Every structure is written in C-alpha cells, then in structure tokens.
PDB file of N, CA and C in Angstrom:
ATOM      1  N   MET A   1     162.876  19.710  14.447  1.00  0.00           N
ATOM      2  CA  MET A   1     162.159  19.323  13.242  1.00  0.00           C
ATOM      3  C   MET A   1     161.041  18.358  13.613  1.00  0.00           C
ATOM      4  N   ASP A   2     159.827  18.643  13.168  1.00  0.00           N
ATOM      5  CA  ASP A   2     158.682  17.787  13.455  1.00  0.00           C
ATOM      6  C   ASP A   2     158.517  16.777  12.330  1.00  0.00           C
ATOM      7  N   ASN A   3     158.624  15.494  12.668  1.00  0.00           N
ATOM      8  CA  ASN A   3     158.475  14.449  11.657  1.00  0.00           C
ATOM      9  C   ASN A   3     157.077  13.838  11.678  1.00  0.00           C
ATOM     10  N   GLY A   4     156.166  14.408  12.507  1.00  0.00           N
ATOM     11  CA  GLY A   4     154.803  13.909  12.576  1.00  0.00           C
ATOM     12  C   GLY A   4     154.652  12.647  13.403  1.00  0.00           C
ATOM     13  N   LEU A   5     155.706  12.206  14.068  1.00  0.00           N
ATOM     14  CA  LEU A   5     155.656  10.970  14.837  1.00  0.00           C
ATOM     15  C   LEU A   5     155.485  11.219  16.333  1.00  0.00           C
ATOM     16  N   GLY A   6     155.549  12.502  16.766  1.00  0.00           N
ATOM     17  CA  GLY A   6     155.486  12.784  18.197  1.00  0.00           C
ATOM     18  C   GLY A   6     156.695  12.191  18.888  1.00  0.00           C
ATOM     19  N   LYS A   7     156.477  11.399  19.927  1.00  0.00           N
ATOM     20  CA  LYS A   7     157.572  10.764  20.669  1.00  0.00           C
ATOM     21  C   LYS A   7     158.090   9.505  19.978  1.00  0.00           C
ATOM     22  N   ARG A   8     157.411   9.040  18.963  1.00  0.00           N
ATOM     23  CA  ARG A   8     157.781   7.787  18.302  1.00  0.00           C
ATOM     24  C   ARG A   8     159.057   7.934  17.473  1.00  0.00           C
ATOM     25  N   ARG A   9     159.853   6.873  17.484  1.00  0.00           N
ATOM     26  CA  ARG A   9     161.062   6.837  16.651  1.00  0.00           C
ATOM     27  C   ARG A   9     160.766   6.306  15.264  1.00  0.00           C
ATOM     28  N   HIS A  10     159.705   5.477  15.145  1.00  0.00           N
ATOM     29  CA  HIS A  10     159.359   4.853  13.877  1.00  0.00           C
ATOM     30  C   HIS A  10     157.861   4.953  13.650  1.00  0.00           C
ATOM     31  N   LYS A  11     157.470   5.043  12.393  1.00  0.00           N
ATOM     32  CA  LYS A  11     156.061   5.100  12.029  1.00  0.00           C
ATOM     33  C   LYS A  11     155.408   3.743  12.260  1.00  0.00           C
ATOM     34  N   ARG A  12     154.196   3.755  12.826  1.00  0.00           N
ATOM     35  CA  ARG A  12     153.430   2.516  12.987  1.00  0.00           C
ATOM     36  C   ARG A  12     152.821   2.124  11.656  1.00  0.00           C
ATOM     37  N   ILE A  13     152.828   0.829  11.382  1.00  0.00           N
ATOM     38  CA  ILE A  13     152.256   0.299  10.151  1.00  0.00           C
ATOM     39  C   ILE A  13     151.149  -0.669  10.548  1.00  0.00           C
ATOM     40  N   LYS A  14     149.934  -0.397  10.077  1.00  0.00           N
ATOM     41  CA  LYS A  14     148.817  -1.282  10.405  1.00  0.00           C
ATOM     42  C   LYS A  14     149.055  -2.651   9.778  1.00  0.00           C
ATOM     43  N   MET A  15     149.086  -3.659  10.647  1.00  0.00           N
ATOM     44  CA  MET A  15     149.327  -5.017  10.167  1.00  0.00           C
ATOM     45  C   MET A  15     148.900  -6.002  11.244  1.00  0.00           C
ATOM     46  N   VAL A  16     148.090  -6.960  10.864  1.00  0.00           N
ATOM     47  CA  VAL A  16     147.637  -7.994  11.797  1.00  0.00           C
ATOM     48  C   VAL A  16     148.458  -9.259  11.547  1.00  0.00           C
ATOM     49  N   LEU A  17     149.253  -9.618  12.548  1.00  0.00           N
ATOM     50  CA  LEU A  17     150.082 -10.820  12.487  1.00  0.00           C
ATOM     51  C   LEU A  17     149.693 -11.729  13.650  1.00  0.00           C
ATOM     52  N   PRO A  18     149.477 -13.008  13.406  1.00  0.00           N
ATOM     53  CA  PRO A  18     149.145 -13.931  14.501  1.00  0.00           C
ATOM     54  C   PRO A  18     150.384 -14.218  15.348  1.00  0.00           C
ATOM     55  N   LEU A  19     150.200 -14.228  16.666  1.00  0.00           N
ATOM     56  CA  LEU A  19     151.319 -14.413  17.592  1.00  0.00           C
ATOM     57  C   LEU A  19     150.985 -15.409  18.678  1.00  0.00           C
ATOM     58  N   LYS A  20     152.030 -15.968  19.266  1.00  0.00           N
ATOM     59  CA  LYS A  20     151.949 -16.637  20.553  1.00  0.00           C
ATOM     60  C   LYS A  20     152.779 -15.784  21.500  1.00  0.00           C
ATOM     61  N   ILE A  21     152.290 -15.605  22.720  1.00  0.00           N
ATOM     62  CA  ILE A  21     153.084 -14.877  23.706  1.00  0.00           C
ATOM     63  C   ILE A  21     153.223 -15.712  24.967  1.00  0.00           C
ATOM     64  N   TRP A  22     154.355 -15.557  25.646  1.00  0.00           N
ATOM     65  CA  TRP A  22     154.637 -16.233  26.900  1.00  0.00           C
ATOM     66  C   TRP A  22     155.039 -15.201  27.935  1.00  0.00           C
ATOM     67  N   THR A  23     154.555 -15.404  29.154  1.00  0.00           N
ATOM     68  CA  THR A  23     154.931 -14.567  30.284  1.00  0.00           C
ATOM     69  C   THR A  23     154.782 -15.396  31.556  1.00  0.00           C
ATOM     70  N   LYS A  24     154.928 -14.772  32.700  1.00  0.00           N
ATOM     71  CA  LYS A  24     154.725 -15.431  33.999  1.00  0.00           C
ATOM     72  C   LYS A  24     153.597 -14.709  34.721  1.00  0.00           C
ATOM     73  N   ASP A  25     152.790 -15.464  35.482  1.00  0.00           N
ATOM     74  CA  ASP A  25     151.738 -14.831  36.281  1.00  0.00           C
ATOM     75  C   ASP A  25     152.298 -14.434  37.644  1.00  0.00           C
ATOM     76  N   ALA A  26     151.422 -13.942  38.527  1.00  0.00           N
ATOM     77  CA  ALA A  26     151.849 -13.460  39.842  1.00  0.00           C
ATOM     78  C   ALA A  26     152.489 -14.571  40.682  1.00  0.00           C
ATOM     79  N   ALA A  27     152.088 -15.836  40.439  1.00  0.00           N
ATOM     80  CA  ALA A  27     152.652 -16.974  41.168  1.00  0.00           C
ATOM     81  C   ALA A  27     153.872 -17.562  40.457  1.00  0.00           C
ATOM     82  N   ASN A  28     154.376 -16.856  39.452  1.00  0.00           N
ATOM     83  CA  ASN A  28     155.548 -17.259  38.670  1.00  0.00           C
ATOM     84  C   ASN A  28     155.300 -18.513  37.832  1.00  0.00           C
ATOM     85  N   ASN A  29     154.041 -18.782  37.501  1.00  0.00           N
ATOM     86  CA  ASN A  29     153.696 -19.881  36.602  1.00  0.00           C
ATOM     87  C   ASN A  29     153.754 -19.389  35.164  1.00  0.00           C
ATOM     88  N   ASN A  30     154.148 -20.274  34.254  1.00  0.00           N
ATOM     89  CA  ASN A  30     154.162 -19.915  32.836  1.00  0.00           C
ATOM     90  C   ASN A  30     152.751 -19.703  32.321  1.00  0.00           C
ATOM     91  N   VAL A  31     152.572 -18.655  31.550  1.00  0.00           N
ATOM     92  CA  VAL A  31     151.290 -18.349  30.921  1.00  0.00           C
ATOM     93  C   VAL A  31     151.559 -18.135  29.444  1.00  0.00           C
ATOM     94  N   ASN A  32     150.782 -18.805  28.581  1.00  0.00           N
ATOM     95  CA  ASN A  32     150.904 -18.522  27.153  1.00  0.00           C
ATOM     96  C   ASN A  32     149.517 -18.317  26.584  1.00  0.00           C
ATOM     97  N   GLU A  33     149.454 -17.497  25.556  1.00  0.00           N
ATOM     98  CA  GLU A  33     148.174 -17.237  24.908  1.00  0.00           C
ATOM     99  C   GLU A  33     148.399 -16.820  23.466  1.00  0.00           C
ATOM    100  N   LEU A  34     147.320 -16.945  22.696  1.00  0.00           N
ATOM    101  CA  LEU A  34     147.342 -16.488  21.314  1.00  0.00           C
ATOM    102  C   LEU A  34     146.914 -15.035  21.291  1.00  0.00           C
ATOM    103  N   ALA A  35     147.544 -14.242  20.449  1.00  0.00           N
ATOM    104  CA  ALA A  35     147.229 -12.821  20.317  1.00  0.00           C
ATOM    105  C   ALA A  35     147.510 -12.421  18.878  1.00  0.00           C
ATOM    106  N   HIS A  36     147.471 -11.122  18.608  1.00  0.00           N
ATOM    107  CA  HIS A  36     147.818 -10.626  17.277  1.00  0.00           C
ATOM    108  C   HIS A  36     148.295  -9.185  17.380  1.00  0.00           C
ATOM    109  N   THR A  37     149.008  -8.754  16.368  1.00  0.00           N
ATOM    110  CA  THR A  37     149.400  -7.346  16.316  1.00  0.00           C
ATOM    111  C   THR A  37     148.238  -6.553  15.724  1.00  0.00           C
ATOM    112  N   LEU A  38     148.200  -5.278  16.079  1.00  0.00           N
ATOM    113  CA  LEU A  38     147.280  -4.334  15.451  1.00  0.00           C
ATOM    114  C   LEU A  38     148.060  -3.424  14.512  1.00  0.00           C
ATOM    115  N   ASP A  39     149.255  -3.056  14.947  1.00  0.00           N
ATOM    116  CA  ASP A  39     150.200  -2.344  14.095  1.00  0.00           C
ATOM    117  C   ASP A  39     151.601  -2.632  14.614  1.00  0.00           C
ATOM    118  N   ILE A  40     152.578  -2.429  13.731  1.00  0.00           N
ATOM    119  CA  ILE A  40     153.959  -2.757  14.080  1.00  0.00           C
ATOM    120  C   ILE A  40     154.896  -1.629  13.685  1.00  0.00           C
ATOM    121  N   THR A  41     156.082  -1.651  14.286  1.00  0.00           N
ATOM    122  CA  THR A  41     157.223  -0.843  13.870  1.00  0.00           C
ATOM    123  C   THR A  41     158.386  -1.828  13.754  1.00  0.00           C
ATOM    124  N   PRO A  42     159.533  -1.399  13.263  1.00  0.00           N
ATOM    125  CA  PRO A  42     160.648  -2.347  13.191  1.00  0.00           C
ATOM    126  C   PRO A  42     161.058  -2.916  14.558  1.00  0.00           C
ATOM    127  N   PHE A  43     160.774  -2.169  15.650  1.00  0.00           N
ATOM    128  CA  PHE A  43     161.244  -2.598  16.968  1.00  0.00           C
ATOM    129  C   PHE A  43     160.149  -2.684  18.024  1.00  0.00           C
ATOM    130  N   GLY A  44     158.881  -2.768  17.604  1.00  0.00           N
ATOM    131  CA  GLY A  44     157.814  -2.846  18.584  1.00  0.00           C
ATOM    132  C   GLY A  44     156.473  -3.086  17.922  1.00  0.00           C
ATOM    133  N   ALA A  45     155.405  -3.004  18.745  1.00  0.00           N
ATOM    134  CA  ALA A  45     154.064  -3.269  18.216  1.00  0.00           C
ATOM    135  C   ALA A  45     153.008  -2.852  19.221  1.00  0.00           C
ATOM    136  N   ARG A  46     151.785  -2.756  18.709  1.00  0.00           N
ATOM    137  CA  ARG A  46     150.592  -2.667  19.552  1.00  0.00           C
ATOM    138  C   ARG A  46     149.896  -4.005  19.385  1.00  0.00           C
ATOM    139  N   LEU A  47     149.709  -4.719  20.500  1.00  0.00           N
ATOM    140  CA  LEU A  47     149.125  -6.052  20.487  1.00  0.00           C
ATOM    141  C   LEU A  47     147.665  -5.996  20.893  1.00  0.00           C
ATOM    142  N   GLY A  48     146.858  -6.898  20.339  1.00  0.00           N
ATOM    143  CA  GLY A  48     145.453  -7.020  20.703  1.00  0.00           C
ATOM    144  C   GLY A  48     145.130  -8.442  21.102  1.00  0.00           C
ATOM    145  N   ALA A  49     143.923  -8.626  21.635  1.00  0.00           N
ATOM    146  CA  ALA A  49     143.412  -9.936  22.061  1.00  0.00           C
ATOM    147  C   ALA A  49     144.186 -10.508  23.242  1.00  0.00           C
ATOM    148  N   ILE A  50     144.776  -9.636  24.061  1.00  0.00           N
ATOM    149  CA  ILE A  50     145.495 -10.072  25.252  1.00  0.00           C
ATOM    150  C   ILE A  50     144.490 -10.235  26.381  1.00  0.00           C
ATOM    151  N   ARG A  51     144.473 -11.390  27.019  1.00  0.00           N
ATOM    152  CA  ARG A  51     143.535 -11.663  28.113  1.00  0.00           C
ATOM    153  C   ARG A  51     144.197 -11.570  29.484  1.00  0.00           C
ATOM    154  N   SER A  52     145.515 -11.680  29.543  1.00  0.00           N
ATOM    155  CA  SER A  52     146.235 -11.606  30.814  1.00  0.00           C
ATOM    156  C   SER A  52     146.506 -10.149  31.167  1.00  0.00           C
ATOM    157  N   LEU A  53     146.384  -9.824  32.448  1.00  0.00           N
ATOM    158  CA  LEU A  53     146.714  -8.473  32.888  1.00  0.00           C
ATOM    159  C   LEU A  53     148.229  -8.356  32.976  1.00  0.00           C
ATOM    160  N   LEU A  54     148.800  -7.530  32.133  1.00  0.00           N
ATOM    161  CA  LEU A  54     150.238  -7.320  32.102  1.00  0.00           C
ATOM    162  C   LEU A  54     150.551  -5.968  32.721  1.00  0.00           C
ATOM    163  N   LYS A  55     151.804  -5.767  33.106  1.00  0.00           N
ATOM    164  CA  LYS A  55     152.223  -4.509  33.720  1.00  0.00           C
ATOM    165  C   LYS A  55     153.376  -3.908  32.919  1.00  0.00           C
ATOM    166  N   ALA A  56     153.420  -2.577  32.879  1.00  0.00           N
ATOM    167  CA  ALA A  56     154.528  -1.887  32.219  1.00  0.00           C
ATOM    168  C   ALA A  56     155.839  -2.351  32.839  1.00  0.00           C
ATOM    169  N   GLY A  57     156.820  -2.606  31.988  1.00  0.00           N
ATOM    170  CA  GLY A  57     158.123  -3.082  32.440  1.00  0.00           C
ATOM    171  C   GLY A  57     158.260  -4.593  32.410  1.00  0.00           C
ATOM    172  N   GLU A  58     157.156  -5.306  32.315  1.00  0.00           N
ATOM    173  CA  GLU A  58     157.170  -6.768  32.270  1.00  0.00           C
ATOM    174  C   GLU A  58     157.778  -7.249  30.955  1.00  0.00           C
ATOM    175  N   THR A  59     158.445  -8.400  30.993  1.00  0.00           N
ATOM    176  CA  THR A  59     159.053  -8.984  29.808  1.00  0.00           C
ATOM    177  C   THR A  59     158.178 -10.115  29.280  1.00  0.00           C
ATOM    178  N   LEU A  60     157.969 -10.120  27.952  1.00  0.00           N
ATOM    179  CA  LEU A  60     157.220 -11.174  27.274  1.00  0.00           C
ATOM    180  C   LEU A  60     158.116 -11.808  26.233  1.00  0.00           C
ATOM    181  N   THR A  61     157.819 -13.046  25.884  1.00  0.00           N
ATOM    182  CA  THR A  61     158.421 -13.664  24.713  1.00  0.00           C
ATOM    183  C   THR A  61     157.331 -13.761  23.665  1.00  0.00           C
ATOM    184  N   ILE A  62     157.651 -13.306  22.460  1.00  0.00           N
ATOM    185  CA  ILE A  62     156.706 -13.345  21.339  1.00  0.00           C
ATOM    186  C   ILE A  62     157.222 -14.333  20.307  1.00  0.00           C
ATOM    187  N   GLN A  63     156.313 -15.119  19.744  1.00  0.00           N
ATOM    188  CA  GLN A  63     156.650 -15.953  18.603  1.00  0.00           C
ATOM    189  C   GLN A  63     155.773 -15.536  17.434  1.00  0.00           C
ATOM    190  N   TYR A  64     156.428 -15.176  16.330  1.00  0.00           N
ATOM    191  CA  TYR A  64     155.749 -14.922  15.061  1.00  0.00           C
ATOM    192  C   TYR A  64     156.408 -15.829  14.040  1.00  0.00           C
ATOM    193  N   ARG A  65     155.643 -16.721  13.455  1.00  0.00           N
ATOM    194  CA  ARG A  65     156.177 -17.787  12.590  1.00  0.00           C
ATOM    195  C   ARG A  65     157.231 -18.549  13.375  1.00  0.00           C
ATOM    196  N   GLN A  66     158.440 -18.648  12.844  1.00  0.00           N
ATOM    197  CA  GLN A  66     159.497 -19.382  13.548  1.00  0.00           C
ATOM    198  C   GLN A  66     160.406 -18.462  14.349  1.00  0.00           C
ATOM    199  N   ARG A  67     160.080 -17.196  14.425  1.00  0.00           N
ATOM    200  CA  ARG A  67     160.911 -16.222  15.148  1.00  0.00           C
ATOM    201  C   ARG A  67     160.410 -16.040  16.569  1.00  0.00           C
ATOM    202  N   ARG A  68     161.348 -16.063  17.507  1.00  0.00           N
ATOM    203  CA  ARG A  68     161.036 -15.759  18.902  1.00  0.00           C
ATOM    204  C   ARG A  68     161.934 -14.627  19.341  1.00  0.00           C
ATOM    205  N   PHE A  69     161.344 -13.675  20.062  1.00  0.00           N
ATOM    206  CA  PHE A  69     162.129 -12.554  20.586  1.00  0.00           C
ATOM    207  C   PHE A  69     161.451 -12.004  21.826  1.00  0.00           C
ATOM    208  N   GLN A  70     162.234 -11.314  22.634  1.00  0.00           N
ATOM    209  CA  GLN A  70     161.705 -10.751  23.866  1.00  0.00           C
ATOM    210  C   GLN A  70     161.366  -9.285  23.681  1.00  0.00           C
ATOM    211  N   VAL A  71     160.281  -8.876  24.363  1.00  0.00           N
ATOM    212  CA  VAL A  71     159.830  -7.492  24.342  1.00  0.00           C
ATOM    213  C   VAL A  71     159.529  -7.044  25.761  1.00  0.00           C
ATOM    214  N   ARG A  72     159.533  -5.732  25.925  1.00  0.00           N
ATOM    215  CA  ARG A  72     159.178  -5.110  27.197  1.00  0.00           C
ATOM    216  C   ARG A  72     157.828  -4.429  27.028  1.00  0.00           C
ATOM    217  N   VAL A  73     156.936  -4.609  27.993  1.00  0.00           N
ATOM    218  CA  VAL A  73     155.641  -3.940  27.970  1.00  0.00           C
ATOM    219  C   VAL A  73     155.855  -2.464  28.302  1.00  0.00           C
ATOM    220  N   VAL A  74     155.358  -1.589  27.433  1.00  0.00           N
ATOM    221  CA  VAL A  74     155.494  -0.145  27.627  1.00  0.00           C
ATOM    222  C   VAL A  74     154.215   0.433  28.228  1.00  0.00           C
ATOM    223  N   TRP A  75     153.077  -0.021  27.740  1.00  0.00           N
ATOM    224  CA  TRP A  75     151.785   0.446  28.258  1.00  0.00           C
ATOM    225  C   TRP A  75     150.737  -0.641  28.085  1.00  0.00           C
ATOM    226  N   VAL A  76     149.665  -0.551  28.906  1.00  0.00           N
ATOM    227  CA  VAL A  76     148.557  -1.505  28.868  1.00  0.00           C
ATOM    228  C   VAL A  76     147.258  -0.707  28.931  1.00  0.00           C
ATOM    229  N   HIS A  77     146.301  -1.061  28.067  1.00  0.00           N
ATOM    230  CA  HIS A  77     145.006  -0.382  28.050  1.00  0.00           C
ATOM    231  C   HIS A  77     143.908  -1.431  27.972  1.00  0.00           C
ATOM    232  N   GLN A  78     143.012  -1.439  28.981  1.00  0.00           N
ATOM    233  CA  GLN A  78     141.884  -2.377  28.957  1.00  0.00           C
ATOM    234  C   GLN A  78     140.783  -1.794  28.081  1.00  0.00           C
ATOM    235  N   LEU A  79     140.250  -2.616  27.184  1.00  0.00           N
ATOM    236  CA  LEU A  79     139.151  -2.187  26.329  1.00  0.00           C
ATOM    237  C   LEU A  79     137.877  -2.108  27.164  1.00  0.00           C
ATOM    238  N   GLU A  80     137.168  -1.034  27.013  1.00  0.00           N
ATOM    239  CA  GLU A  80     135.977  -0.776  27.817  1.00  0.00           C
ATOM    240  C   GLU A  80     134.934  -1.881  27.642  1.00  0.00           C
ATOM    241  N   GLY A  81     134.422  -2.360  28.771  1.00  0.00           N
ATOM    242  CA  GLY A  81     133.371  -3.367  28.754  1.00  0.00           C
ATOM    243  C   GLY A  81     133.838  -4.775  28.428  1.00  0.00           C
ATOM    244  N   THR A  82     135.150  -5.002  28.402  1.00  0.00           N
ATOM    245  CA  THR A  82     135.676  -6.335  28.079  1.00  0.00           C
ATOM    246  C   THR A  82     136.762  -6.724  29.080  1.00  0.00           C
ATOM    247  N   LYS A  83     137.225  -7.951  28.950  1.00  0.00           N
ATOM    248  CA  LYS A  83     138.374  -8.406  29.733  1.00  0.00           C
ATOM    249  C   LYS A  83     139.594  -8.510  28.826  1.00  0.00           C
ATOM    250  N   GLU A  84     139.568  -7.759  27.748  1.00  0.00           N
ATOM    251  CA  GLU A  84     140.651  -7.788  26.759  1.00  0.00           C
ATOM    252  C   GLU A  84     141.494  -6.518  26.875  1.00  0.00           C
ATOM    253  N   TYR A  85     142.788  -6.684  26.615  1.00  0.00           N
ATOM    254  CA  TYR A  85     143.723  -5.571  26.715  1.00  0.00           C
ATOM    255  C   TYR A  85     144.427  -5.342  25.385  1.00  0.00           C
ATOM    256  N   GLN A  86     144.794  -4.094  25.153  1.00  0.00           N
ATOM    257  CA  GLN A  86     145.752  -3.758  24.117  1.00  0.00           C
ATOM    258  C   GLN A  86     147.036  -3.406  24.848  1.00  0.00           C
ATOM    259  N   VAL A  87     148.165  -3.795  24.270  1.00  0.00           N
ATOM    260  CA  VAL A  87     149.444  -3.657  24.942  1.00  0.00           C
ATOM    261  C   VAL A  87     150.473  -3.113  23.965  1.00  0.00           C
ATOM    262  N   GLY A  88     151.184  -2.079  24.379  1.00  0.00           N
ATOM    263  CA  GLY A  88     152.290  -1.559  23.592  1.00  0.00           C
ATOM    264  C   GLY A  88     153.581  -2.199  24.059  1.00  0.00           C
ATOM    265  N   VAL A  89     154.373  -2.719  23.116  1.00  0.00           N
ATOM    266  CA  VAL A  89     155.630  -3.397  23.468  1.00  0.00           C
ATOM    267  C   VAL A  89     156.776  -2.864  22.611  1.00  0.00           C
ATOM    268  N   GLU A  90     157.996  -2.974  23.170  1.00  0.00           N
ATOM    269  CA  GLU A  90     159.198  -2.645  22.410  1.00  0.00           C
ATOM    270  C   GLU A  90     160.199  -3.779  22.573  1.00  0.00           C
ATOM    271  N   ALA A  91     160.932  -4.041  21.493  1.00  0.00           N
ATOM    272  CA  ALA A  91     161.909  -5.131  21.496  1.00  0.00           C
ATOM    273  C   ALA A  91     163.039  -4.829  22.470  1.00  0.00           C
ATOM    274  N   ILE A  92     163.480  -5.848  23.160  1.00  0.00           N
ATOM    275  CA  ILE A  92     164.611  -5.711  24.085  1.00  0.00           C
ATOM    276  C   ILE A  92     165.887  -5.922  23.282  1.00  0.00           C
ATOM    277  N   GLY A  93     166.796  -5.008  23.392  1.00  0.00           N
ATOM    278  CA  GLY A  93     168.078  -5.133  22.709  1.00  0.00           C
ATOM    279  C   GLY A  93     168.072  -4.676  21.267  1.00  0.00           C
ATOM    280  N   GLY A  94     166.919  -4.264  20.751  1.00  0.00           N
ATOM    281  CA  GLY A  94     166.854  -3.729  19.391  1.00  0.00           C
ATOM    282  C   GLY A  94     167.221  -4.722  18.304  1.00  0.00           C
ATOM    283  N   GLY A  95     167.082  -6.001  18.599  1.00  0.00           N
ATOM    284  CA  GLY A  95     167.457  -7.015  17.622  1.00  0.00           C
ATOM    285  C   GLY A  95     166.385  -7.274  16.584  1.00  0.00           C
ATOM    286  N   GLU A  96     166.579  -8.326  15.825  1.00  0.00           N
ATOM    287  CA  GLU A  96     165.648  -8.749  14.781  1.00  0.00           C
ATOM    288  C   GLU A  96     164.303  -9.087  15.404  1.00  0.00           C
ATOM    289  N   THR A  97     163.223  -8.610  14.782  1.00  0.00           N
ATOM    290  CA  THR A  97     161.900  -8.883  15.333  1.00  0.00           C
ATOM    291  C   THR A  97     161.038  -9.655  14.349  1.00  0.00           C
ATOM    292  N   TRP A  98     160.355  -8.969  13.465  1.00  0.00           N
ATOM    293  CA  TRP A  98     159.311  -9.577  12.647  1.00  0.00           C
ATOM    294  C   TRP A  98     159.820 -10.363  11.451  1.00  0.00           C
ATOM    295  N   GLY A  99     161.036 -10.120  11.004  1.00  0.00           N
ATOM    296  CA  GLY A  99     161.521 -10.776   9.796  1.00  0.00           C
ATOM    297  C   GLY A  99     160.873 -10.196   8.559  1.00  0.00           C
ATOM    298  N   ILE A 100     160.358  -8.981   8.693  1.00  0.00           N
ATOM    299  CA  ILE A 100     159.716  -8.283   7.586  1.00  0.00           C
ATOM    300  C   ILE A 100     160.472  -6.979   7.384  1.00  0.00           C
ATOM    301  N   GLU A 101     160.913  -6.735   6.168  1.00  0.00           N
ATOM    302  CA  GLU A 101     161.593  -5.475   5.880  1.00  0.00           C
ATOM    303  C   GLU A 101     160.541  -4.408   5.626  1.00  0.00           C
ATOM    304  N   LEU A 102     160.568  -3.372   6.431  1.00  0.00           N
ATOM    305  CA  LEU A 102     159.590  -2.298   6.323  1.00  0.00           C
ATOM    306  C   LEU A 102     160.273  -1.105   5.668  1.00  0.00           C
ATOM    307  N   THR A 103     159.832  -0.739   4.458  1.00  0.00           N
ATOM    308  CA  THR A 103     160.451   0.372   3.741  1.00  0.00           C
ATOM    309  C   THR A 103     159.389   1.343   3.267  1.00  0.00           C
ATOM    310  N   GLU A 104     159.776   2.608   3.147  1.00  0.00           N
ATOM    311  CA  GLU A 104     158.868   3.627   2.662  1.00  0.00           C
ATOM    312  C   GLU A 104     159.189   3.881   1.195  1.00  0.00           C
ATOM    313  N   ASN A 105     158.177   3.836   0.332  1.00  0.00           N
ATOM    314  CA  ASN A 105     158.393   4.017  -1.093  1.00  0.00           C
ATOM    315  C   ASN A 105     157.192   4.743  -1.676  1.00  0.00           C
ATOM    316  N   GLN A 106     157.431   5.856  -2.330  1.00  0.00           N
ATOM    317  CA  GLN A 106     156.390   6.642  -2.981  1.00  0.00           C
ATOM    318  C   GLN A 106     155.256   6.970  -2.026  1.00  0.00           C
ATOM    319  N   GLU A 107     155.627   7.440  -0.830  1.00  0.00           N
ATOM    320  CA  GLU A 107     154.692   7.894   0.202  1.00  0.00           C
ATOM    321  C   GLU A 107     153.730   6.824   0.682  1.00  0.00           C
ATOM    322  N   ARG A 108     154.053   5.557   0.505  1.00  0.00           N
ATOM    323  CA  ARG A 108     153.249   4.494   1.084  1.00  0.00           C
ATOM    324  C   ARG A 108     154.203   3.429   1.614  1.00  0.00           C
ATOM    325  N   MET A 109     153.724   2.637   2.543  1.00  0.00           N
ATOM    326  CA  MET A 109     154.571   1.600   3.127  1.00  0.00           C
ATOM    327  C   MET A 109     154.432   0.326   2.321  1.00  0.00           C
ATOM    328  N   GLU A 110     155.549  -0.244   1.933  1.00  0.00           N
ATOM    329  CA  GLU A 110     155.540  -1.503   1.208  1.00  0.00           C
ATOM    330  C   GLU A 110     156.217  -2.564   2.077  1.00  0.00           C
ATOM    331  N   LEU A 111     155.803  -3.759   1.905  1.00  0.00           N
ATOM    332  CA  LEU A 111     156.343  -4.863   2.667  1.00  0.00           C
ATOM    333  C   LEU A 111     157.098  -5.812   1.771  1.00  0.00           C
ATOM    334  N   VAL A 112     158.247  -6.227   2.242  1.00  0.00           N
ATOM    335  CA  VAL A 112     159.004  -7.242   1.547  1.00  0.00           C
ATOM    336  C   VAL A 112     159.217  -8.362   2.548  1.00  0.00           C
ATOM    337  N   LEU A 113     158.534  -9.464   2.361  1.00  0.00           N
ATOM    338  CA  LEU A 113     158.665 -10.576   3.303  1.00  0.00           C
ATOM    339  C   LEU A 113     159.984 -11.263   3.082  1.00  0.00           C
ATOM    340  N   SER A 114     160.653 -11.538   4.201  1.00  0.00           N
ATOM    341  CA  SER A 114     161.936 -12.234   4.087  1.00  0.00           C
ATOM    342  C   SER A 114     161.798 -13.681   4.471  1.00  0.00           C
TER     343      SER A 114
END
C-alpha cells in the first residue's frame, strides 16, 4: 500500500522552531550553536542554519524550549555557495521530542502545544 510517504514512517510538517544543538568536533571539544527546524516529524526533523560539518551517524543533543533529547544524524547536505548545512536527524530511542502533539484532522495538520 502506497501512503505517499516513500521511505518515511511519518509525514513531515513544515515548522520553524528555534533550537540549540550540542556536539563534539574532531578534537573532541564541545561545540554548540543556534539552529532551527525546517520541518518536523514526531521522531525527527530537517534542521537548517547548521554551520558545523556533521557526519551521518553522529549524535547531537537538541534543546527546544526546556526539552533536551538526543538525535542521530541521518544525512547532511551543504547548501550551494554557502558554508551552511541542512541536516536530517532522527530521535534516538524513539522517546519524547518536541512536546508538540501532531495530529491529522480534516486533511490538514493541526498543532496542539503541550
């Protein structure tokens, strides 16, 4: 059965959320930066405004509001002509992520902030 999602388990929802992210550089030093989501799913996101070169499989810590959770980098794409990256991430362990209930109602996505 084709659900129109391709390989995706969940539909992406366009939403810009401000984030802080933490990772380690090649010398194992802590690196943190401000970023934002471009779209989200219940268990992952596409991130924008990333300046650090990340690698698939790398673990990041994301903070959105007062929530912190770990994600795994799935893919990295450098924007042409810039030093900025877009990064696809998925939550590690499938736990609570955004604190936003994402529900489908009347063929549109509605948000209920928790």
